[in-house]
Amino acid sequence: MPSESLLFMVFLIFTGAAVFATLALYARQALIVSYIVLGVVMGPSLLGWVTDASLIKGVADIGIMFLLFLLGLNMHPQKLLRLLGSATIITGASSLVFGALGVVAGYLLGYTVVESLVVGGGLMFSSTIVGLKLLPTTVLHHRHTGEIMISILLLQDVIAIVLLLVLQAGIGHQDLFTDVGRLALALLGVCGLAYLVERYVLLPLIARFDVIQEYIFLLAIGWCLGLAELSVWLGLSHEIGAFVAGVALASSRISLFIAENLKPLRDFFLIIFFFTLGAGLDIKLLVDVLMPALALAAVVLAVKPWVFRWLLSNAGESPPRATEIGVRLGQGSEFSLLIAVLALETGVVRHQAAHLLELTTILSMMVSMYLIVWRYPTPIAVRDDLRRN
């Protein structure tokens, strides 16, 4: 396709995203939902203005790499060790409950065992974007509620990375354990190399040239993409390599600066990713799974807050705080969307199962947004007395 056509496609995406994002903000919705809806509207299923979503898929995948890189930057190894306690128990127990819920739902809908496992895996996580973006800054950084939510979400991220590793091996294949073992060794090798390069190359370079912000910016991008490419060469995925690259730099004093400066670049590519996701959705298949997705989303919205509330209350948290955290974490995750896409690409699930997981996630995020902005302080709260920046 000519470069002018690609440029026109980018124009459609970002101009349309600006319009749909404005509507989403008025409707108190997460912006990622508006990007997905825009993709559905402009994609082959409706208007057909973007008929070859695969053209920009490679660019879109960069957004996921940067997302995981930034998640890794926030996962200081010492912080992660401090989380090994009540947060681990809460995250592990809740993940088992939500995973079992998805497996049972998949079984009742007639999916294969593997497809049911993927649906269950996708329901294990809560949205980092919804959970943290709707927290006031003071709560996010200086209060116990923010600490608990960050702890749970970070540990969920670790579980998600493991699940992505299994999907990369191809769950359901006869040589699954061999493949997972091989990939686990590759992951250990990437982690070891990341540690050595970070300690003996990156940190000295950062210490010497940290006043040159442009250089630090380029160094971070090169490090992220370089380790991502190495991971692919070893049979892993770009996403896992980017995550390891972020964790390796998390202990550096410059990690906060890198995270803040990469956010606009990450958001640019994520808009394209979520648009591509929407453009790839088949309206006919969505109609086929609409009723099951509505029912499953309703179950997620009812069960997730209650499970988190019960676990947190038993861990010693006050009932009001436990209830609030449960509501804020009571939805599907952007990781669920990534799992659905990867499972479909690797042939692990059929389109119907992937669309069920995607639509359930989107619906649960939309309703959860309304519940949060109506009940708790957020930057986009409905009432003035609840609006907190």
Protein backbone atom coordinates (compact mmCIF):
# COMPACT_ATOMS: atom_id res chain seq x y z
CA MET A 1 0.00 0.00 0.00
CA PRO A 2 1.38 3.47 -0.82
CA SER A 3 2.76 5.56 1.99
CA GLU A 4 0.02 8.14 1.35
CA SER A 5 -2.57 5.48 2.16
CA LEU A 6 -0.79 4.62 5.38
CA LEU A 7 -0.64 8.31 6.25
CA PHE A 8 -4.36 8.65 5.52
CA MET A 9 -5.03 5.65 7.75
CA VAL A 10 -3.09 7.26 10.61
CA PHE A 11 -5.07 10.45 10.00
CA LEU A 12 -8.34 8.52 10.28
CA ILE A 13 -7.21 6.79 13.46
CA PHE A 14 -6.09 9.83 15.40
CA THR A 15 -8.73 12.25 14.16
CA GLY A 16 -11.42 9.69 14.88
CA ALA A 17 -9.79 8.86 18.24
CA ALA A 18 -9.94 12.53 19.24
CA VAL A 19 -13.67 12.65 18.49
CA PHE A 20 -14.49 9.33 20.15
CA ALA A 21 -12.28 10.11 23.15
CA THR A 22 -14.20 13.35 23.69
CA LEU A 23 -17.47 11.42 23.69
CA ALA A 24 -15.97 8.84 26.04
CA LEU A 25 -14.91 11.49 28.54
CA TYR A 26 -18.41 12.99 28.55
CA ALA A 27 -19.75 9.46 29.10
CA ARG A 28 -17.20 8.81 31.90
CA GLN A 29 -15.62 5.95 29.98
CA ALA A 30 -12.07 4.66 29.70
CA LEU A 31 -10.40 6.04 26.59
CA ILE A 32 -9.26 2.61 25.45
CA VAL A 33 -12.92 1.61 25.04
CA SER A 34 -13.41 4.53 22.63
CA TYR A 35 -10.39 3.43 20.58
CA ILE A 36 -11.76 -0.12 20.29
CA VAL A 37 -15.22 1.16 19.31
CA LEU A 38 -13.59 3.45 16.72
CA GLY A 39 -11.83 0.43 15.23
CA VAL A 40 -15.11 -1.47 14.99
CA VAL A 41 -16.83 1.51 13.31
CA MET A 42 -14.07 2.19 10.79
CA GLY A 43 -13.10 -1.43 10.26
CA PRO A 44 -14.34 -3.94 7.66
CA SER A 45 -17.42 -4.87 9.70
CA LEU A 46 -19.09 -1.44 9.42
CA LEU A 47 -17.83 1.54 7.39
CA GLY A 48 -14.92 -0.31 5.83
CA TRP A 49 -12.64 2.75 5.79
CA VAL A 50 -9.80 0.61 7.15
CA THR A 51 -9.89 -2.73 5.37
CA ASP A 52 -6.36 -3.92 6.05
CA ALA A 53 -5.82 -3.65 9.79
CA SER A 54 -2.79 -5.94 9.53
CA LEU A 55 -0.96 -3.13 7.75
CA ILE A 56 -0.42 -1.26 11.00
CA LYS A 57 -0.34 -4.25 13.34
CA GLY A 58 3.45 -4.17 13.58
CA VAL A 59 3.31 -0.54 14.66
CA ALA A 60 0.51 -1.31 17.10
CA ASP A 61 2.52 -4.08 18.76
CA ILE A 62 5.16 -1.51 19.70
CA GLY A 63 2.58 0.04 22.02
CA ILE A 64 2.20 -3.22 23.92
CA MET A 65 5.98 -3.51 24.20
CA PHE A 66 6.22 -0.03 25.70
CA LEU A 67 3.29 -0.77 28.04
CA LEU A 68 5.06 -3.82 29.44
CA PHE A 69 8.38 -1.98 29.53
CA LEU A 70 6.81 0.72 31.70
CA LEU A 71 5.14 -1.87 33.91
CA GLY A 72 8.55 -3.44 34.40
CA LEU A 73 10.07 -0.05 35.27
CA ASN A 74 7.58 0.22 38.14
CA MET A 75 8.35 -3.26 39.43
CA HIS A 76 11.36 -2.67 41.66
CA PRO A 77 12.72 -6.11 42.68
CA GLN A 78 12.91 -5.08 46.34
CA LYS A 79 9.34 -3.77 46.20
CA LEU A 80 8.22 -7.06 44.70
CA LEU A 81 9.85 -8.97 47.56
CA ARG A 82 8.01 -6.81 50.09
CA LEU A 83 4.75 -7.74 48.41
CA LEU A 84 5.28 -11.43 49.13
CA GLY A 85 2.77 -11.70 51.95
CA SER A 86 -0.87 -10.77 52.19
CA ALA A 87 -0.91 -9.31 48.68
CA THR A 88 0.40 -12.59 47.27
CA ILE A 89 -2.31 -14.57 49.07
CA ILE A 90 -5.04 -12.17 47.95
CA THR A 91 -3.82 -12.10 44.35
CA GLY A 92 -3.30 -15.85 44.16
CA ALA A 93 -6.65 -16.75 45.74
CA SER A 94 -8.61 -14.25 43.66
CA SER A 95 -6.88 -15.37 40.47
CA LEU A 96 -7.83 -18.99 41.16
CA VAL A 97 -11.47 -18.03 41.77
CA PHE A 98 -11.74 -15.87 38.65
CA GLY A 99 -9.87 -18.42 36.55
CA ALA A 100 -12.20 -21.20 37.68
CA LEU A 101 -15.16 -18.97 36.88
CA GLY A 102 -13.96 -18.52 33.31
CA VAL A 103 -13.21 -22.23 32.86
CA VAL A 104 -16.72 -23.19 34.03
CA ALA A 105 -18.24 -20.55 31.73
CA GLY A 106 -16.26 -21.85 28.77
CA TYR A 107 -17.30 -25.43 29.54
CA LEU A 108 -20.99 -24.48 29.81
CA LEU A 109 -20.76 -22.66 26.46
CA GLY A 110 -19.40 -25.78 24.78
CA TYR A 111 -15.81 -24.64 24.24
CA THR A 112 -12.89 -27.03 24.28
CA VAL A 113 -10.87 -27.56 27.42
CA VAL A 114 -8.02 -25.43 26.10
CA GLU A 115 -10.37 -22.62 25.05
CA SER A 116 -12.04 -22.71 28.47
CA LEU A 117 -8.63 -22.45 30.13
CA VAL A 118 -7.78 -19.40 28.01
CA VAL A 119 -11.09 -17.73 28.89
CA GLY A 120 -10.40 -18.49 32.55
CA GLY A 121 -6.89 -17.11 32.28
CA GLY A 122 -8.18 -13.93 30.69
CA LEU A 123 -10.66 -13.33 33.52
CA MET A 124 -7.97 -13.54 36.22
CA PHE A 125 -6.79 -9.95 35.82
CA SER A 126 -8.09 -6.48 36.60
CA SER A 127 -7.40 -3.42 34.49
CA THR A 128 -4.27 -1.48 35.41
CA ILE A 129 -5.48 1.42 33.28
CA VAL A 130 -8.93 1.63 34.89
CA GLY A 131 -7.69 0.83 38.38
CA LEU A 132 -4.83 3.33 38.56
CA LYS A 133 -5.98 6.04 36.15
CA LEU A 134 -9.17 6.54 38.19
CA LEU A 135 -7.27 6.91 41.45
CA PRO A 136 -6.56 10.48 42.56
CA THR A 137 -2.83 11.15 42.55
CA THR A 138 -2.70 11.63 46.33
CA VAL A 139 -4.37 8.26 46.88
CA LEU A 140 -2.16 6.56 44.32
CA HIS A 141 1.14 7.64 45.84
CA HIS A 142 0.57 8.43 49.49
CA ARG A 143 -2.22 6.26 50.88
CA HIS A 144 -2.72 2.65 51.85
CA THR A 145 -5.47 2.11 49.29
CA GLY A 146 -3.08 2.96 46.47
CA GLU A 147 -0.37 0.71 47.89
CA ILE A 148 -2.72 -2.27 48.07
CA MET A 149 -4.01 -1.77 44.53
CA ILE A 150 -0.52 -1.38 43.08
CA SER A 151 0.60 -4.53 44.92
CA ILE A 152 -2.26 -6.63 43.56
CA LEU A 153 -1.95 -5.27 40.02
CA LEU A 154 1.82 -5.81 39.91
CA LEU A 155 1.48 -9.40 41.06
CA GLN A 156 -1.26 -9.95 38.49
CA ASP A 157 1.17 -8.64 35.88
CA VAL A 158 3.65 -11.35 36.89
CA ILE A 159 0.97 -14.02 36.49
CA ALA A 160 0.03 -12.54 33.11
CA ILE A 161 3.63 -12.76 31.92
CA VAL A 162 3.73 -16.45 32.89
CA LEU A 163 0.47 -17.07 31.03
CA LEU A 164 1.82 -15.28 27.95
CA LEU A 165 4.87 -17.53 28.15
CA VAL A 166 2.66 -20.62 28.14
CA LEU A 167 0.62 -19.28 25.22
CA GLN A 168 3.85 -18.57 23.36
CA ALA A 169 4.72 -22.26 23.73
CA GLY A 170 1.30 -23.22 22.38
CA ILE A 171 -0.93 -24.61 25.10
CA GLY A 172 -2.52 -27.90 24.15
CA HIS A 173 0.40 -29.10 22.03
CA GLN A 174 1.85 -32.50 22.81
CA ASP A 175 5.29 -31.06 23.51
CA LEU A 176 3.94 -28.33 25.78
CA PHE A 177 6.13 -29.13 28.79
CA THR A 178 9.22 -29.42 26.63
CA ASP A 179 8.45 -26.13 24.93
CA VAL A 180 7.70 -24.37 28.22
CA GLY A 181 10.94 -25.71 29.68
CA ARG A 182 12.90 -24.47 26.69
CA LEU A 183 11.26 -21.06 26.88
CA ALA A 184 11.84 -20.93 30.63
CA LEU A 185 15.55 -21.49 30.04
CA ALA A 186 15.50 -18.80 27.37
CA LEU A 187 13.78 -16.46 29.84
CA LEU A 188 16.43 -17.17 32.48
CA GLY A 189 19.11 -16.43 29.91
CA VAL A 190 17.47 -13.14 28.95
CA CYS A 191 17.12 -12.18 32.63
CA GLY A 192 20.77 -13.02 33.34
CA LEU A 193 21.99 -11.05 30.35
CA ALA A 194 19.72 -8.14 31.28
CA TYR A 195 21.19 -8.06 34.78
CA LEU A 196 24.79 -8.05 33.50
CA VAL A 197 24.18 -5.40 30.84
CA GLU A 198 22.23 -3.22 33.26
CA ARG A 199 24.93 -3.40 35.94
CA TYR A 200 28.07 -3.11 33.83
CA VAL A 201 26.90 -1.12 30.80
CA LEU A 202 23.65 0.79 31.32
CA LEU A 203 24.19 2.07 34.86
CA PRO A 204 27.70 3.43 34.12
CA LEU A 205 26.39 5.12 30.96
CA ILE A 206 23.42 6.60 32.83
CA ALA A 207 25.64 7.81 35.66
CA ARG A 208 27.99 9.50 33.20
CA PHE A 209 25.43 11.09 30.86
CA ASP A 210 22.29 11.46 33.00
CA VAL A 211 22.22 15.23 32.43
CA ILE A 212 21.65 14.67 28.70
CA GLN A 213 17.96 13.80 28.69
CA GLU A 214 17.81 13.07 24.98
CA TYR A 215 20.51 10.42 25.36
CA ILE A 216 18.74 8.73 28.30
CA PHE A 217 15.53 8.69 26.25
CA LEU A 218 17.27 7.04 23.28
CA LEU A 219 19.15 4.62 25.52
CA ALA A 220 15.90 3.47 27.13
CA ILE A 221 14.16 2.92 23.79
CA GLY A 222 17.17 1.09 22.36
CA TRP A 223 17.40 -1.11 25.45
CA CYS A 224 13.69 -1.97 25.35
CA LEU A 225 13.59 -2.81 21.64
CA GLY A 226 16.96 -4.56 21.70
CA LEU A 227 16.00 -6.97 24.48
CA ALA A 228 12.62 -7.49 22.82
CA GLU A 229 14.31 -8.56 19.57
CA LEU A 230 16.70 -10.83 21.47
CA SER A 231 13.72 -12.48 23.16
CA VAL A 232 12.10 -13.19 19.79
CA TRP A 233 15.36 -14.66 18.51
CA LEU A 234 15.35 -17.04 21.50
CA GLY A 235 11.76 -18.08 20.85
CA LEU A 236 10.06 -15.78 23.35
CA SER A 237 7.88 -12.78 22.54
CA HIS A 238 8.60 -9.08 22.15
CA GLU A 239 6.36 -8.37 25.14
CA ILE A 240 8.28 -10.60 27.55
CA GLY A 241 11.61 -9.13 26.49
CA ALA A 242 10.30 -5.58 26.96
CA PHE A 243 9.01 -6.46 30.42
CA VAL A 244 12.38 -7.91 31.47
CA ALA A 245 14.10 -4.80 30.10
CA GLY A 246 11.90 -2.64 32.32
CA VAL A 247 12.45 -4.72 35.46
CA ALA A 248 16.22 -4.59 34.89
CA LEU A 249 16.14 -0.79 35.01
CA ALA A 250 13.58 -0.54 37.84
CA SER A 251 16.22 -0.21 40.55
CA SER A 252 17.95 2.66 38.75
CA ARG A 253 17.35 6.15 40.11
CA ILE A 254 16.60 7.27 36.56
CA SER A 255 13.71 4.79 36.10
CA LEU A 256 11.06 7.33 37.11
CA PHE A 257 12.37 9.83 34.57
CA ILE A 258 12.34 7.18 31.83
CA ALA A 259 8.82 6.09 32.72
CA GLU A 260 7.45 9.62 32.63
CA ASN A 261 9.11 10.50 29.32
CA LEU A 262 8.04 7.32 27.54
CA LYS A 263 4.35 7.64 28.43
CA PRO A 264 3.42 9.86 25.45
CA LEU A 265 5.22 7.51 23.06
CA ARG A 266 3.53 4.52 24.66
CA ASP A 267 0.11 6.16 24.39
CA PHE A 268 0.67 6.92 20.68
CA PHE A 269 1.26 3.28 19.85
CA LEU A 270 -1.41 1.98 22.25
CA ILE A 271 -4.06 4.04 20.46
CA ILE A 272 -3.09 2.24 17.25
CA PHE A 273 -3.09 -1.13 19.04
CA PHE A 274 -6.58 -0.78 20.49
CA PHE A 275 -7.88 0.60 17.19
CA THR A 276 -6.41 -2.42 15.40
CA LEU A 277 -8.03 -4.70 17.97
CA GLY A 278 -11.42 -3.13 17.28
CA ALA A 279 -10.93 -3.22 13.50
CA GLY A 280 -10.20 -6.92 13.74
CA LEU A 281 -13.48 -7.71 15.53
CA ASP A 282 -16.11 -9.39 13.39
CA ILE A 283 -19.56 -7.91 14.08
CA LYS A 284 -21.28 -11.16 13.09
CA LEU A 285 -19.22 -13.13 15.59
CA LEU A 286 -19.78 -10.44 18.22
CA VAL A 287 -23.53 -10.83 17.76
CA ASP A 288 -23.15 -14.59 18.20
CA VAL A 289 -21.37 -14.16 21.53
CA LEU A 290 -23.27 -11.06 22.70
CA MET A 291 -25.64 -12.79 25.11
CA PRO A 292 -22.97 -15.05 26.64
CA ALA A 293 -20.63 -12.04 26.93
CA LEU A 294 -23.33 -9.96 28.63
CA ALA A 295 -24.01 -12.76 31.09
CA LEU A 296 -20.33 -13.39 31.77
CA ALA A 297 -19.60 -9.67 32.17
CA ALA A 298 -22.48 -9.43 34.67
CA VAL A 299 -21.01 -12.32 36.65
CA VAL A 300 -17.55 -10.70 36.59
CA LEU A 301 -18.96 -7.37 37.81
CA ALA A 302 -20.84 -9.11 40.61
CA VAL A 303 -18.22 -11.64 41.73
CA LYS A 304 -14.92 -9.77 41.45
CA PRO A 305 -15.74 -6.91 43.89
CA TRP A 306 -17.22 -9.37 46.39
CA VAL A 307 -14.22 -11.73 46.24
CA PHE A 308 -11.72 -8.90 46.69
CA ARG A 309 -13.80 -7.45 49.53
CA TRP A 310 -13.94 -10.80 51.33
CA LEU A 311 -10.22 -11.51 50.90
CA LEU A 312 -9.15 -8.01 51.94
CA SER A 313 -11.46 -8.00 54.97
CA ASN A 314 -9.99 -11.31 56.11
CA ALA A 315 -6.52 -9.81 55.63
CA GLY A 316 -7.37 -7.10 58.17
CA GLU A 317 -8.51 -4.24 55.94
CA SER A 318 -11.49 -2.16 57.02
CA PRO A 319 -14.81 -3.00 55.28
CA PRO A 320 -15.09 0.41 53.55
CA ARG A 321 -11.56 0.19 52.13
CA ALA A 322 -12.01 -3.46 51.14
CA THR A 323 -15.27 -2.60 49.37
CA GLU A 324 -13.73 0.35 47.50
CA ILE A 325 -10.73 -1.65 46.31
CA GLY A 326 -13.03 -4.47 45.22
CA VAL A 327 -15.12 -2.09 43.11
CA ARG A 328 -12.04 -0.43 41.61
CA LEU A 329 -10.61 -3.84 40.61
CA GLY A 330 -13.91 -5.37 39.55
CA GLN A 331 -13.47 -5.54 35.77
CA GLY A 332 -11.54 -7.25 32.99
CA SER A 333 -8.07 -6.19 31.96
CA GLU A 334 -6.18 -4.96 28.93
CA PHE A 335 -4.08 -8.08 29.54
CA SER A 336 -7.25 -10.09 28.82
CA LEU A 337 -7.39 -8.46 25.39
CA LEU A 338 -3.73 -9.23 24.77
CA ILE A 339 -4.23 -12.85 25.84
CA ALA A 340 -7.20 -13.20 23.48
CA VAL A 341 -5.20 -11.78 20.56
CA LEU A 342 -2.14 -13.95 21.24
CA ALA A 343 -4.23 -17.10 21.74
CA LEU A 344 -5.97 -16.48 18.42
CA GLU A 345 -2.71 -15.78 16.60
CA THR A 346 -1.10 -18.98 17.89
CA GLY A 347 -4.15 -21.06 16.94
CA VAL A 348 -4.92 -21.98 20.54
CA VAL A 349 -8.54 -20.77 20.36
CA ARG A 350 -11.14 -20.14 17.68
CA HIS A 351 -12.46 -16.70 16.83
CA GLN A 352 -15.63 -17.27 18.86
CA ALA A 353 -13.78 -17.91 22.12
CA ALA A 354 -11.42 -14.97 21.54
CA HIS A 355 -14.33 -12.64 20.79
CA LEU A 356 -16.15 -13.81 23.91
CA LEU A 357 -13.17 -12.89 26.07
CA GLU A 358 -12.67 -9.57 24.30
CA LEU A 359 -16.33 -8.51 24.45
CA THR A 360 -16.68 -9.62 28.08
CA THR A 361 -13.62 -7.54 28.98
CA ILE A 362 -14.84 -4.45 27.14
CA LEU A 363 -18.35 -4.63 28.63
CA SER A 364 -17.05 -5.15 32.16
CA MET A 365 -14.66 -2.21 31.82
CA MET A 366 -17.43 0.08 30.57
CA VAL A 367 -19.84 -0.74 33.39
CA SER A 368 -17.07 -0.71 36.00
CA MET A 369 -16.11 2.81 34.93
CA TYR A 370 -19.62 4.02 35.64
CA LEU A 371 -19.69 2.35 39.05
CA ILE A 372 -16.37 3.90 40.06
CA VAL A 373 -17.04 7.46 38.91
CA TRP A 374 -20.47 7.49 40.57
CA ARG A 375 -19.29 6.16 43.94
CA TYR A 376 -15.67 7.12 44.57
CA PRO A 377 -13.24 10.04 44.12
CA THR A 378 -11.74 10.08 40.63
CA PRO A 379 -10.28 12.68 38.26
CA ILE A 380 -13.44 12.38 36.10
CA ALA A 381 -16.08 11.86 38.80
CA VAL A 382 -19.70 12.69 37.98
CA ARG A 383 -20.20 14.88 41.06
CA ASP A 384 -18.01 17.86 41.91
CA ASP A 385 -17.52 16.67 45.51
CA LEU A 386 -15.98 13.41 44.23
CA ARG A 387 -13.69 14.95 41.63
CA ARG A 388 -10.04 14.61 42.71
CA ASN A 389 -6.95 15.10 40.57
